[in-house]
Amino acid sequence: MRNMSNRTFTMIKPDAMKNGHAGAIIDQIIKKGFKIIALKQTRLDAGKAGEFYAVHKERPFYGELVSFMSSGPIIAAILEKENAVNDFRALIGATDPAKADEGTIRKLFATSLGENAIHGSDSDENAKIEGDFFFSALERI
């Protein structure tokens, strides 16, 4: 089994898909040294989006988040690189694109706090849980 700290999970969100940014985002990910372990385009229905974001169920933005994440296709991916979670969080930038550093994915492609282009796991444990939510063992290299 590989070291968990070398893998993370990401989703290119419906806003970035709708705005045609998926290719440019994937290009940035690869150029920063991440290897794609699993990748697929799919669409979450409200039930699956609610299940994925269940940790936020009691928060006031939960309903809006579920609605947004089920509004269009997404690309889900498992990525590998040394220090994957932390390096990927640095690459995507702050959740609020207005506060994100120049050159980060969210600064370049997000339109708002709610439509922030991309998801990145916040811990090794969540990376595994989130990757397992989307991908079977057969879908990974």
N, C-alpha and C. Protein backbone atom coordinates (compact mmCIF):
# COMPACT_ATOMS: atom_id res chain seq x y z
N MET A 1 0.84 -1.19 0.00
CA MET A 1 0.00 0.00 0.00
C MET A 1 0.88 1.25 0.00
N ARG A 2 0.51 2.22 -0.79
CA ARG A 2 1.29 3.45 -0.89
C ARG A 2 1.05 4.34 0.32
N ASN A 3 2.00 5.19 0.60
CA ASN A 3 1.89 6.16 1.68
C ASN A 3 0.71 7.09 1.40
N MET A 4 -0.23 7.16 2.32
CA MET A 4 -1.43 7.98 2.11
C MET A 4 -1.11 9.45 1.87
N SER A 5 -0.05 9.96 2.46
CA SER A 5 0.26 11.38 2.29
C SER A 5 0.69 11.71 0.86
N ASN A 6 0.82 10.67 0.04
CA ASN A 6 1.19 10.89 -1.35
C ASN A 6 -0.01 10.92 -2.30
N ARG A 7 -1.22 10.84 -1.76
CA ARG A 7 -2.42 10.86 -2.61
C ARG A 7 -3.42 11.88 -2.09
N THR A 8 -4.12 12.49 -3.03
CA THR A 8 -5.20 13.40 -2.67
C THR A 8 -6.34 13.21 -3.67
N PHE A 9 -7.45 13.83 -3.38
CA PHE A 9 -8.64 13.76 -4.24
C PHE A 9 -9.03 15.17 -4.66
N THR A 10 -9.51 15.28 -5.88
CA THR A 10 -10.02 16.57 -6.36
C THR A 10 -11.26 16.37 -7.22
N MET A 11 -12.03 17.43 -7.31
CA MET A 11 -13.16 17.51 -8.24
C MET A 11 -13.11 18.85 -8.93
N ILE A 12 -13.21 18.84 -10.24
CA ILE A 12 -13.43 20.08 -10.98
C ILE A 12 -14.94 20.28 -10.97
N LYS A 13 -15.37 21.41 -10.42
CA LYS A 13 -16.78 21.64 -10.11
C LYS A 13 -17.58 22.10 -11.33
N PRO A 14 -18.92 22.06 -11.22
CA PRO A 14 -19.79 22.41 -12.35
C PRO A 14 -19.52 23.78 -12.97
N ASP A 15 -19.15 24.78 -12.18
CA ASP A 15 -18.91 26.11 -12.75
C ASP A 15 -17.71 26.10 -13.67
N ALA A 16 -16.63 25.44 -13.27
CA ALA A 16 -15.43 25.38 -14.12
C ALA A 16 -15.70 24.54 -15.36
N MET A 17 -16.51 23.50 -15.23
CA MET A 17 -16.88 22.68 -16.39
C MET A 17 -17.69 23.52 -17.38
N LYS A 18 -18.70 24.22 -16.87
CA LYS A 18 -19.57 25.04 -17.72
C LYS A 18 -18.78 26.14 -18.44
N ASN A 19 -17.78 26.68 -17.75
CA ASN A 19 -17.00 27.78 -18.31
C ASN A 19 -15.83 27.30 -19.17
N GLY A 20 -15.71 26.00 -19.37
CA GLY A 20 -14.70 25.45 -20.27
C GLY A 20 -13.28 25.45 -19.73
N HIS A 21 -13.13 25.40 -18.40
CA HIS A 21 -11.80 25.48 -17.79
C HIS A 21 -11.19 24.12 -17.41
N ALA A 22 -11.89 23.04 -17.63
CA ALA A 22 -11.40 21.73 -17.18
C ALA A 22 -10.03 21.40 -17.74
N GLY A 23 -9.84 21.57 -19.03
CA GLY A 23 -8.55 21.24 -19.65
C GLY A 23 -7.41 22.06 -19.08
N ALA A 24 -7.63 23.36 -18.91
CA ALA A 24 -6.59 24.24 -18.37
C ALA A 24 -6.27 23.88 -16.92
N ILE A 25 -7.29 23.49 -16.16
CA ILE A 25 -7.06 23.09 -14.76
C ILE A 25 -6.26 21.80 -14.70
N ILE A 26 -6.64 20.81 -15.50
CA ILE A 26 -5.90 19.55 -15.53
C ILE A 26 -4.46 19.80 -15.98
N ASP A 27 -4.26 20.67 -16.93
CA ASP A 27 -2.91 21.02 -17.39
C ASP A 27 -2.07 21.58 -16.24
N GLN A 28 -2.65 22.47 -15.45
CA GLN A 28 -1.92 23.03 -14.31
C GLN A 28 -1.56 21.95 -13.30
N ILE A 29 -2.49 21.05 -13.05
CA ILE A 29 -2.26 19.96 -12.09
C ILE A 29 -1.07 19.11 -12.54
N ILE A 30 -1.05 18.74 -13.80
CA ILE A 30 0.03 17.90 -14.34
C ILE A 30 1.35 18.67 -14.32
N LYS A 31 1.32 19.93 -14.70
CA LYS A 31 2.55 20.73 -14.73
C LYS A 31 3.15 20.92 -13.34
N LYS A 32 2.33 20.81 -12.30
CA LYS A 32 2.83 20.94 -10.92
C LYS A 32 3.32 19.59 -10.37
N GLY A 33 3.39 18.59 -11.24
CA GLY A 33 4.00 17.33 -10.84
C GLY A 33 3.07 16.27 -10.28
N PHE A 34 1.77 16.49 -10.35
CA PHE A 34 0.83 15.48 -9.87
C PHE A 34 0.61 14.43 -10.95
N LYS A 35 0.59 13.17 -10.55
CA LYS A 35 0.29 12.06 -11.44
C LYS A 35 -1.18 11.71 -11.25
N ILE A 36 -1.90 11.52 -12.33
CA ILE A 36 -3.31 11.16 -12.26
C ILE A 36 -3.42 9.64 -12.07
N ILE A 37 -4.00 9.24 -10.95
CA ILE A 37 -4.17 7.82 -10.60
C ILE A 37 -5.53 7.32 -11.08
N ALA A 38 -6.53 8.19 -11.04
CA ALA A 38 -7.88 7.86 -11.50
C ALA A 38 -8.54 9.16 -11.95
N LEU A 39 -9.37 9.07 -12.99
CA LEU A 39 -10.01 10.27 -13.54
C LEU A 39 -11.30 9.86 -14.22
N LYS A 40 -12.37 10.63 -13.95
CA LYS A 40 -13.62 10.39 -14.67
C LYS A 40 -14.50 11.63 -14.64
N GLN A 41 -15.26 11.77 -15.71
CA GLN A 41 -16.30 12.79 -15.75
C GLN A 41 -17.59 12.10 -15.37
N THR A 42 -18.35 12.75 -14.49
CA THR A 42 -19.61 12.18 -14.04
C THR A 42 -20.53 13.33 -13.62
N ARG A 43 -21.67 12.98 -13.14
CA ARG A 43 -22.61 13.98 -12.65
C ARG A 43 -23.22 13.46 -11.36
N LEU A 44 -23.23 14.29 -10.34
CA LEU A 44 -23.83 13.93 -9.06
C LEU A 44 -25.30 14.33 -9.07
N ASP A 45 -26.18 13.42 -8.66
CA ASP A 45 -27.55 13.85 -8.42
C ASP A 45 -27.57 14.46 -7.02
N ALA A 46 -28.69 15.05 -6.64
CA ALA A 46 -28.76 15.73 -5.34
C ALA A 46 -28.48 14.77 -4.19
N GLY A 47 -28.94 13.54 -4.29
CA GLY A 47 -28.71 12.56 -3.23
C GLY A 47 -27.23 12.26 -3.04
N LYS A 48 -26.52 12.03 -4.14
CA LYS A 48 -25.08 11.73 -4.06
C LYS A 48 -24.29 12.96 -3.62
N ALA A 49 -24.66 14.15 -4.10
CA ALA A 49 -23.98 15.37 -3.66
C ALA A 49 -24.19 15.58 -2.17
N GLY A 50 -25.41 15.33 -1.70
CA GLY A 50 -25.70 15.44 -0.27
C GLY A 50 -24.91 14.46 0.56
N GLU A 51 -24.76 13.25 0.03
CA GLU A 51 -23.97 12.22 0.72
C GLU A 51 -22.49 12.63 0.79
N PHE A 52 -21.96 13.12 -0.33
CA PHE A 52 -20.55 13.52 -0.36
C PHE A 52 -20.27 14.66 0.62
N TYR A 53 -21.18 15.62 0.70
CA TYR A 53 -20.99 16.79 1.55
C TYR A 53 -21.73 16.69 2.89
N ALA A 54 -22.05 15.47 3.32
CA ALA A 54 -22.80 15.26 4.57
C ALA A 54 -22.14 15.92 5.77
N VAL A 55 -20.84 16.05 5.77
CA VAL A 55 -20.12 16.69 6.87
C VAL A 55 -20.59 18.14 7.08
N HIS A 56 -21.15 18.75 6.05
CA HIS A 56 -21.62 20.13 6.12
C HIS A 56 -23.14 20.23 6.31
N LYS A 57 -23.79 19.13 6.59
CA LYS A 57 -25.26 19.09 6.63
C LYS A 57 -25.89 20.14 7.56
N GLU A 58 -25.27 20.43 8.67
CA GLU A 58 -25.84 21.39 9.64
C GLU A 58 -25.47 22.85 9.33
N ARG A 59 -24.67 23.06 8.31
CA ARG A 59 -24.24 24.43 8.00
C ARG A 59 -25.27 25.11 7.10
N PRO A 60 -25.35 26.43 7.20
CA PRO A 60 -26.39 27.15 6.45
C PRO A 60 -26.24 27.07 4.93
N PHE A 61 -25.05 26.80 4.42
CA PHE A 61 -24.83 26.76 2.97
C PHE A 61 -25.03 25.37 2.36
N TYR A 62 -25.37 24.37 3.18
CA TYR A 62 -25.47 22.99 2.72
C TYR A 62 -26.41 22.83 1.52
N GLY A 63 -27.62 23.33 1.62
CA GLY A 63 -28.60 23.18 0.54
C GLY A 63 -28.12 23.81 -0.76
N GLU A 64 -27.54 24.98 -0.65
CA GLU A 64 -27.01 25.66 -1.84
C GLU A 64 -25.85 24.87 -2.44
N LEU A 65 -25.00 24.32 -1.58
CA LEU A 65 -23.86 23.52 -2.03
C LEU A 65 -24.33 22.27 -2.78
N VAL A 66 -25.29 21.57 -2.22
CA VAL A 66 -25.82 20.36 -2.86
C VAL A 66 -26.46 20.71 -4.20
N SER A 67 -27.23 21.78 -4.24
CA SER A 67 -27.85 22.21 -5.49
C SER A 67 -26.81 22.54 -6.55
N PHE A 68 -25.79 23.29 -6.15
CA PHE A 68 -24.72 23.66 -7.08
C PHE A 68 -23.98 22.44 -7.59
N MET A 69 -23.59 21.54 -6.68
CA MET A 69 -22.78 20.39 -7.08
C MET A 69 -23.56 19.39 -7.92
N SER A 70 -24.88 19.45 -7.91
CA SER A 70 -25.69 18.57 -8.75
C SER A 70 -26.22 19.30 -9.99
N SER A 71 -25.71 20.49 -10.25
CA SER A 71 -26.21 21.32 -11.36
C SER A 71 -25.58 21.02 -12.70
N GLY A 72 -24.53 20.22 -12.73
CA GLY A 72 -23.86 19.92 -13.99
C GLY A 72 -22.77 18.89 -13.79
N PRO A 73 -22.10 18.52 -14.86
CA PRO A 73 -21.04 17.51 -14.75
C PRO A 73 -19.85 18.01 -13.94
N ILE A 74 -19.12 17.04 -13.40
CA ILE A 74 -17.87 17.30 -12.67
C ILE A 74 -16.81 16.34 -13.19
N ILE A 75 -15.56 16.63 -12.91
CA ILE A 75 -14.49 15.67 -13.14
C ILE A 75 -13.90 15.35 -11.78
N ALA A 76 -13.86 14.07 -11.46
CA ALA A 76 -13.29 13.59 -10.20
C ALA A 76 -11.94 12.94 -10.51
N ALA A 77 -10.98 13.12 -9.60
CA ALA A 77 -9.66 12.54 -9.83
C ALA A 77 -8.94 12.23 -8.52
N ILE A 78 -8.15 11.18 -8.54
CA ILE A 78 -7.20 10.89 -7.48
C ILE A 78 -5.83 11.23 -8.04
N LEU A 79 -5.08 11.98 -7.27
CA LEU A 79 -3.76 12.47 -7.70
C LEU A 79 -2.68 11.95 -6.77
N GLU A 80 -1.49 11.79 -7.32
CA GLU A 80 -0.37 11.31 -6.52
C GLU A 80 0.83 12.24 -6.68
N LYS A 81 1.46 12.53 -5.58
CA LYS A 81 2.68 13.34 -5.52
C LYS A 81 3.13 13.34 -4.07
N GLU A 82 4.40 13.46 -3.83
CA GLU A 82 4.87 13.57 -2.46
C GLU A 82 4.21 14.79 -1.81
N ASN A 83 3.73 14.64 -0.58
CA ASN A 83 3.05 15.71 0.16
C ASN A 83 1.81 16.20 -0.61
N ALA A 84 1.07 15.27 -1.18
CA ALA A 84 -0.01 15.58 -2.11
C ALA A 84 -1.08 16.52 -1.55
N VAL A 85 -1.59 16.24 -0.36
CA VAL A 85 -2.69 17.05 0.18
C VAL A 85 -2.25 18.51 0.34
N ASN A 86 -1.14 18.72 1.01
CA ASN A 86 -0.70 20.10 1.26
C ASN A 86 -0.29 20.81 -0.03
N ASP A 87 0.43 20.12 -0.91
CA ASP A 87 0.84 20.75 -2.16
C ASP A 87 -0.37 21.09 -3.03
N PHE A 88 -1.38 20.21 -3.02
CA PHE A 88 -2.56 20.48 -3.84
C PHE A 88 -3.37 21.64 -3.27
N ARG A 89 -3.49 21.70 -1.95
CA ARG A 89 -4.21 22.82 -1.33
C ARG A 89 -3.52 24.14 -1.69
N ALA A 90 -2.19 24.15 -1.72
CA ALA A 90 -1.46 25.36 -2.11
C ALA A 90 -1.72 25.70 -3.57
N LEU A 91 -1.80 24.69 -4.43
CA LEU A 91 -2.04 24.92 -5.86
C LEU A 91 -3.44 25.49 -6.13
N ILE A 92 -4.45 25.01 -5.39
CA ILE A 92 -5.81 25.48 -5.67
C ILE A 92 -6.09 26.84 -5.04
N GLY A 93 -5.45 27.17 -3.93
CA GLY A 93 -5.66 28.47 -3.30
C GLY A 93 -6.82 28.50 -2.34
N ALA A 94 -7.02 29.66 -1.74
CA ALA A 94 -8.08 29.86 -0.75
C ALA A 94 -9.46 29.60 -1.34
N THR A 95 -10.38 29.13 -0.50
CA THR A 95 -11.75 28.85 -0.95
C THR A 95 -12.40 30.07 -1.59
N ASP A 96 -12.14 31.24 -1.03
CA ASP A 96 -12.65 32.49 -1.59
C ASP A 96 -11.63 32.99 -2.62
N PRO A 97 -11.99 32.99 -3.90
CA PRO A 97 -11.01 33.38 -4.92
C PRO A 97 -10.48 34.81 -4.74
N ALA A 98 -11.24 35.67 -4.08
CA ALA A 98 -10.77 37.03 -3.82
C ALA A 98 -9.59 37.03 -2.86
N LYS A 99 -9.48 35.96 -2.05
CA LYS A 99 -8.39 35.85 -1.07
C LYS A 99 -7.30 34.88 -1.53
N ALA A 100 -7.49 34.27 -2.68
CA ALA A 100 -6.52 33.28 -3.18
C ALA A 100 -5.29 33.98 -3.74
N ASP A 101 -4.15 33.32 -3.58
CA ASP A 101 -2.90 33.87 -4.12
C ASP A 101 -2.92 33.89 -5.64
N GLU A 102 -2.20 34.84 -6.21
CA GLU A 102 -2.05 34.93 -7.66
C GLU A 102 -1.50 33.61 -8.21
N GLY A 103 -2.02 33.19 -9.34
CA GLY A 103 -1.54 31.99 -9.99
C GLY A 103 -2.17 30.71 -9.52
N THR A 104 -2.96 30.75 -8.44
CA THR A 104 -3.63 29.54 -7.98
C THR A 104 -4.84 29.26 -8.87
N ILE A 105 -5.28 28.03 -8.85
CA ILE A 105 -6.41 27.63 -9.70
C ILE A 105 -7.66 28.45 -9.38
N ARG A 106 -7.95 28.66 -8.12
CA ARG A 106 -9.15 29.43 -7.78
C ARG A 106 -9.01 30.90 -8.17
N LYS A 107 -7.84 31.47 -8.05
CA LYS A 107 -7.65 32.87 -8.46
C LYS A 107 -7.88 32.99 -9.96
N LEU A 108 -7.42 32.00 -10.71
CA LEU A 108 -7.53 32.02 -12.17
C LEU A 108 -8.92 31.66 -12.70
N PHE A 109 -9.60 30.72 -12.04
CA PHE A 109 -10.81 30.15 -12.65
C PHE A 109 -12.09 30.24 -11.84
N ALA A 110 -12.03 30.53 -10.55
CA ALA A 110 -13.25 30.60 -9.73
C ALA A 110 -13.93 31.94 -9.91
N THR A 111 -15.24 31.94 -9.74
CA THR A 111 -16.01 33.18 -9.90
C THR A 111 -16.52 33.74 -8.57
N SER A 112 -16.59 32.89 -7.54
CA SER A 112 -17.11 33.34 -6.25
C SER A 112 -16.77 32.33 -5.17
N LEU A 113 -17.07 32.67 -3.94
CA LEU A 113 -16.88 31.75 -2.82
C LEU A 113 -17.69 30.47 -3.03
N GLY A 114 -18.90 30.61 -3.50
CA GLY A 114 -19.78 29.45 -3.72
C GLY A 114 -19.43 28.65 -4.96
N GLU A 115 -18.99 29.34 -6.02
CA GLU A 115 -18.61 28.68 -7.27
C GLU A 115 -17.11 28.84 -7.43
N ASN A 116 -16.37 27.97 -6.71
CA ASN A 116 -14.93 28.16 -6.61
C ASN A 116 -14.10 27.17 -7.41
N ALA A 117 -14.68 26.62 -8.46
CA ALA A 117 -14.00 25.87 -9.52
C ALA A 117 -13.50 24.48 -9.17
N ILE A 118 -13.01 24.27 -7.95
CA ILE A 118 -12.33 23.01 -7.68
C ILE A 118 -12.41 22.64 -6.20
N HIS A 119 -12.43 21.35 -5.95
CA HIS A 119 -12.39 20.82 -4.58
C HIS A 119 -11.04 20.14 -4.40
N GLY A 120 -10.49 20.24 -3.21
CA GLY A 120 -9.29 19.50 -2.85
C GLY A 120 -9.43 18.98 -1.43
N SER A 121 -9.07 17.73 -1.22
CA SER A 121 -9.15 17.14 0.12
C SER A 121 -8.34 17.94 1.12
N ASP A 122 -8.84 17.99 2.37
CA ASP A 122 -8.17 18.78 3.40
C ASP A 122 -7.32 17.94 4.34
N SER A 123 -7.29 16.61 4.15
CA SER A 123 -6.48 15.73 5.00
C SER A 123 -6.25 14.42 4.26
N ASP A 124 -5.25 13.66 4.72
CA ASP A 124 -5.00 12.34 4.14
C ASP A 124 -6.22 11.44 4.33
N GLU A 125 -6.84 11.51 5.51
CA GLU A 125 -8.01 10.67 5.79
C GLU A 125 -9.16 10.99 4.85
N ASN A 126 -9.44 12.28 4.66
CA ASN A 126 -10.53 12.67 3.76
C ASN A 126 -10.20 12.36 2.31
N ALA A 127 -8.94 12.45 1.93
CA ALA A 127 -8.54 12.09 0.57
C ALA A 127 -8.91 10.63 0.28
N LYS A 128 -8.66 9.76 1.23
CA LYS A 128 -9.00 8.35 1.04
C LYS A 128 -10.51 8.16 0.98
N ILE A 129 -11.23 8.76 1.92
CA ILE A 129 -12.69 8.64 1.94
C ILE A 129 -13.29 9.17 0.64
N GLU A 130 -12.86 10.34 0.21
CA GLU A 130 -13.41 10.97 -0.99
C GLU A 130 -13.03 10.20 -2.25
N GLY A 131 -11.81 9.72 -2.33
CA GLY A 131 -11.41 8.90 -3.48
C GLY A 131 -12.21 7.62 -3.55
N ASP A 132 -12.43 6.99 -2.40
CA ASP A 132 -13.22 5.76 -2.34
C ASP A 132 -14.69 6.00 -2.70
N PHE A 133 -15.19 7.20 -2.46
CA PHE A 133 -16.58 7.55 -2.79
C PHE A 133 -16.79 7.47 -4.31
N PHE A 134 -15.79 7.86 -5.07
CA PHE A 134 -15.92 7.96 -6.53
C PHE A 134 -15.31 6.80 -7.31
N PHE A 135 -14.29 6.13 -6.76
CA PHE A 135 -13.53 5.17 -7.56
C PHE A 135 -13.40 3.82 -6.88
N SER A 136 -13.61 2.76 -7.67
CA SER A 136 -13.35 1.40 -7.21
C SER A 136 -11.86 1.12 -7.40
N ALA A 137 -11.39 0.02 -6.83
CA ALA A 137 -9.99 -0.36 -7.00
C ALA A 137 -9.65 -0.60 -8.46
N LEU A 138 -10.59 -1.09 -9.24
CA LEU A 138 -10.36 -1.36 -10.66
C LEU A 138 -10.17 -0.08 -11.49
N GLU A 139 -10.62 1.04 -10.98
CA GLU A 139 -10.54 2.30 -11.72
C GLU A 139 -9.26 3.09 -11.43
N ARG A 140 -8.37 2.53 -10.64
CA ARG A 140 -7.14 3.21 -10.27
C ARG A 140 -5.93 2.50 -10.85
N ILE A 141 -4.90 3.29 -11.15
CA ILE A 141 -3.67 2.64 -11.61
C ILE A 141 -2.72 2.45 -10.44
